Amino acid sequence: MSEFQTVARVGEIPEGEGRSFAVNGTMVGVFLSGGEYRAINDFCPHMGAALADGYVEDDAVSCPWHAWRFSLKDGTWLDNSGSSIRTACYEVRVEGDEIQVSVPTAADSAQS
């Protein structure tokens, strides 16, 4: 069962930016967009760039290498609405001043 892990403290991720964190063996990009924290798989499915290094606007992040845009809400590739390309999203919560992310482990995925 996946558990929440603290990755940062409130205030450490500026509005409109992202940061990368390793959670359960997965690199996760955590973003602050519109006052809400969101988490997606940090690797762009196109060429593997760190999405946390990308430009954030309107609940989307643009890959820093080739400008592919991904929704921070559901991971969909925004540049081609008919495509099945997406990146995984993860649950985020704030407990006190801790930003926490829940990422399933390989064992969790095998049990699903």
Protein backbone atom coordinates (compact mmCIF):
# COMPACT_ATOMS: atom_id res chain seq x y z
CA MET A 1 0.00 0.00 0.00
CA SER A 2 1.43 3.38 -0.93
CA GLU A 3 1.99 5.84 1.86
CA PHE A 4 2.51 9.57 1.86
CA GLN A 5 6.11 10.74 2.08
CA THR A 6 7.24 14.26 2.93
CA VAL A 7 9.17 15.80 0.04
CA ALA A 8 9.35 19.49 0.98
CA ARG A 9 7.99 22.17 3.23
CA VAL A 10 5.43 24.80 2.32
CA GLY A 11 7.32 27.77 0.87
CA GLU A 12 10.18 25.72 -0.61
CA ILE A 13 8.51 25.45 -4.03
CA PRO A 14 7.75 28.91 -5.45
CA GLU A 15 4.44 29.56 -7.25
CA GLY A 16 4.75 28.63 -10.92
CA GLU A 17 7.73 26.32 -10.41
CA GLY A 18 8.51 22.66 -9.81
CA ARG A 19 11.07 20.58 -7.96
CA SER A 20 12.17 16.93 -8.38
CA PHE A 21 12.08 14.36 -5.59
CA ALA A 22 12.67 10.61 -5.40
CA VAL A 23 9.65 8.85 -3.88
CA ASN A 24 9.49 5.03 -3.72
CA GLY A 25 12.09 4.76 -6.47
CA THR A 26 10.22 7.14 -8.81
CA MET A 27 11.34 10.64 -9.74
CA VAL A 28 8.39 12.93 -9.08
CA GLY A 29 7.95 16.54 -10.14
CA VAL A 30 6.07 18.55 -7.52
CA PHE A 31 4.66 21.88 -8.69
CA LEU A 32 2.87 24.83 -7.13
CA SER A 33 0.33 26.13 -9.63
CA GLY A 34 -2.57 28.42 -8.79
CA GLY A 35 -1.91 27.95 -5.09
CA GLU A 36 -2.23 24.14 -5.30
CA TYR A 37 0.51 21.52 -5.12
CA ARG A 38 0.44 18.91 -7.87
CA ALA A 39 2.69 15.93 -8.54
CA ILE A 40 3.43 14.06 -11.78
CA ASN A 41 6.12 11.68 -12.99
CA ASP A 42 9.14 13.91 -13.52
CA PHE A 43 10.33 12.28 -16.77
CA CYS A 44 8.87 13.55 -20.04
CA PRO A 45 7.60 10.50 -21.95
CA HIS A 46 9.05 11.95 -25.18
CA MET A 47 12.79 12.09 -24.42
CA GLY A 48 13.11 11.86 -20.63
CA ALA A 49 13.75 15.48 -19.65
CA ALA A 50 12.98 16.52 -16.08
CA LEU A 51 9.58 18.18 -16.24
CA ALA A 52 10.23 19.94 -12.91
CA ASP A 53 12.71 22.11 -14.85
CA GLY A 54 9.98 23.20 -17.29
CA TYR A 55 7.90 26.35 -17.63
CA VAL A 56 4.63 26.25 -15.62
CA GLU A 57 1.51 28.13 -16.70
CA ASP A 58 -2.25 27.51 -16.38
CA ASP A 59 -1.89 24.12 -14.59
CA ALA A 60 0.45 22.86 -17.30
CA VAL A 61 4.19 22.30 -17.55
CA SER A 62 6.23 22.58 -20.75
CA CYS A 63 9.10 20.16 -21.19
CA PRO A 64 12.37 22.14 -21.10
CA TRP A 65 13.82 20.21 -24.06
CA HIS A 66 11.08 20.18 -26.72
CA ALA A 67 8.23 22.21 -25.17
CA TRP A 68 5.72 19.35 -25.01
CA ARG A 69 3.02 20.47 -22.55
CA PHE A 70 1.50 18.22 -19.89
CA SER A 71 -1.47 18.83 -17.61
CA LEU A 72 -0.53 19.03 -13.95
CA LYS A 73 -4.08 17.90 -13.10
CA ASP A 74 -4.22 14.60 -15.00
CA GLY A 75 -0.92 14.15 -16.87
CA THR A 76 -2.37 14.34 -20.38
CA TRP A 77 -0.27 15.59 -23.27
CA LEU A 78 -1.95 18.90 -24.09
CA ASP A 79 -0.50 19.36 -27.58
CA ASN A 80 -2.46 16.47 -29.10
CA SER A 81 -5.88 15.87 -27.56
CA GLY A 82 -6.36 12.58 -29.41
CA SER A 83 -3.11 11.06 -28.18
CA SER A 84 -2.84 8.43 -25.47
CA ILE A 85 0.52 9.88 -24.36
CA ARG A 86 0.44 10.96 -20.73
CA THR A 87 2.49 10.96 -17.59
CA ALA A 88 1.47 9.55 -14.23
CA CYS A 89 -0.07 11.81 -11.57
CA TYR A 90 0.25 11.32 -7.85
CA GLU A 91 -1.80 12.36 -4.85
CA VAL A 92 -0.48 15.33 -2.88
CA ARG A 93 -1.47 16.59 0.55
CA VAL A 94 -0.23 19.24 2.95
CA GLU A 95 0.04 18.20 6.60
CA GLY A 96 1.03 21.16 8.75
CA ASP A 97 3.89 22.66 6.75
CA GLU A 98 4.89 19.39 5.05
CA ILE A 99 4.17 18.72 1.37
CA GLN A 100 3.56 14.98 1.04
CA VAL A 101 3.23 12.77 -2.03
CA SER A 102 1.88 9.24 -2.39
CA VAL A 103 3.51 7.12 -5.10
CA PRO A 104 2.60 3.44 -5.51
CA THR A 105 5.48 0.98 -5.08
CA ALA A 106 6.19 -1.77 -7.58
CA ALA A 107 4.49 -4.20 -5.17
CA ASP A 108 1.37 -1.99 -5.11
CA SER A 109 1.23 -2.00 -8.92
CA ALA A 110 1.63 -5.79 -9.07
CA GLN A 111 -1.33 -6.26 -6.69
CA SER A 112 -3.68 -4.07 -8.75
